[in-house]
Amino acid sequence: MNELLDVISVQASADYILLLEFENGERRVFDMAPFMDRRPFIRLKNSPIFTKATVDYGTVVWPGNIDIAPETLYDLSVPLG
């Protein structure tokens, strides 16, 4: 991908799935499960904090100063539907 796309909305489910909408209108699904044993995401594992994901400055963030790059979210997600 050449263009950096901001995330404009996120819904996080307890099974570590993020439903994302990007500024180009695409809706995509990102599976966080493979990341949950890595830092800093391990702090979110088995925690209700995971579902508290929000969008800030175009990327997904969690309480505790945890975020994930929007290019990672786009490149490793799959289109919805």
Protein backbone atom coordinates (compact mmCIF):
# COMPACT_ATOMS: atom_id res chain seq x y z
CA MET A 1 0.00 0.00 0.00
CA ASN A 2 1.38 3.41 -0.91
CA GLU A 3 -1.15 5.69 0.73
CA LEU A 4 -1.45 6.01 4.50
CA LEU A 5 -5.10 5.69 5.45
CA ASP A 6 -6.47 6.82 8.79
CA VAL A 7 -8.84 4.70 10.81
CA ILE A 8 -12.08 6.61 11.41
CA SER A 9 -13.95 4.06 13.55
CA VAL A 10 -13.28 0.87 15.50
CA GLN A 11 -15.33 -1.74 17.29
CA ALA A 12 -13.38 -4.23 19.41
CA SER A 13 -14.82 -7.57 20.47
CA ALA A 14 -13.75 -9.76 23.39
CA ASP A 15 -12.29 -12.34 20.97
CA TYR A 16 -9.62 -9.84 19.84
CA ILE A 17 -11.30 -8.87 16.59
CA LEU A 18 -11.29 -5.24 15.44
CA LEU A 19 -13.93 -4.04 13.02
CA LEU A 20 -12.38 -1.04 11.31
CA GLU A 21 -13.51 1.69 8.98
CA PHE A 22 -10.87 3.63 7.07
CA GLU A 23 -11.11 7.14 5.65
CA ASN A 24 -11.50 5.76 2.12
CA GLY A 25 -14.78 4.11 3.21
CA GLU A 26 -13.40 0.57 3.40
CA ARG A 27 -14.60 -1.60 6.25
CA ARG A 28 -12.09 -4.25 7.26
CA VAL A 29 -11.55 -6.92 9.93
CA PHE A 30 -8.29 -7.21 11.85
CA ASP A 31 -7.50 -10.21 14.08
CA MET A 32 -5.40 -9.07 17.05
CA ALA A 33 -5.06 -12.62 18.49
CA PRO A 34 -1.57 -13.21 16.97
CA PHE A 35 -0.36 -9.99 18.66
CA MET A 36 -1.72 -10.63 22.14
CA ASP A 37 1.44 -12.33 23.47
CA ARG A 38 3.64 -9.44 22.30
CA ARG A 39 4.40 -6.25 24.10
CA PRO A 40 2.65 -3.91 24.64
CA PHE A 41 -0.51 -5.84 23.72
CA ILE A 42 0.04 -8.53 26.36
CA ARG A 43 -1.35 -5.99 28.85
CA LEU A 44 -4.68 -6.21 27.00
CA LYS A 45 -4.84 -10.01 26.98
CA ASN A 46 -7.72 -11.42 29.03
CA SER A 47 -8.67 -7.89 30.03
CA PRO A 48 -11.90 -5.96 29.48
CA ILE A 49 -9.67 -3.04 28.45
CA PHE A 50 -9.31 -4.59 24.98
CA THR A 51 -12.92 -3.72 24.14
CA LYS A 52 -12.28 -0.09 25.14
CA ALA A 53 -10.42 0.59 21.88
CA THR A 54 -11.00 4.03 20.38
CA VAL A 55 -9.64 6.04 17.47
CA ASP A 56 -7.18 8.86 18.11
CA TYR A 57 -5.24 10.68 15.41
CA GLY A 58 -6.14 8.07 12.80
CA THR A 59 -5.14 4.94 14.65
CA VAL A 60 -6.54 2.54 17.23
CA VAL A 61 -5.60 3.23 20.85
CA TRP A 62 -6.30 1.70 24.24
CA PRO A 63 -6.02 3.04 27.78
CA GLY A 64 -2.48 2.75 29.10
CA ASN A 65 -0.84 4.43 26.11
CA ILE A 66 -1.17 1.39 23.83
CA ASP A 67 -1.69 1.79 20.08
CA ILE A 68 -1.15 0.03 16.78
CA ALA A 69 -0.06 1.65 13.52
CA PRO A 70 -2.79 2.29 10.96
CA GLU A 71 -0.64 0.86 8.16
CA THR A 72 -0.37 -2.42 10.10
CA LEU A 73 -4.12 -2.46 10.60
CA TYR A 74 -4.76 -1.88 6.91
CA ASP A 75 -2.09 -4.17 5.49
CA LEU A 76 -2.94 -7.15 7.71
CA SER A 77 -6.72 -6.81 7.73
CA VAL A 78 -9.24 -8.32 5.34
CA PRO A 79 -12.15 -6.54 3.65
CA LEU A 80 -15.51 -6.99 5.35
CA GLY A 81 -18.20 -8.65 3.31
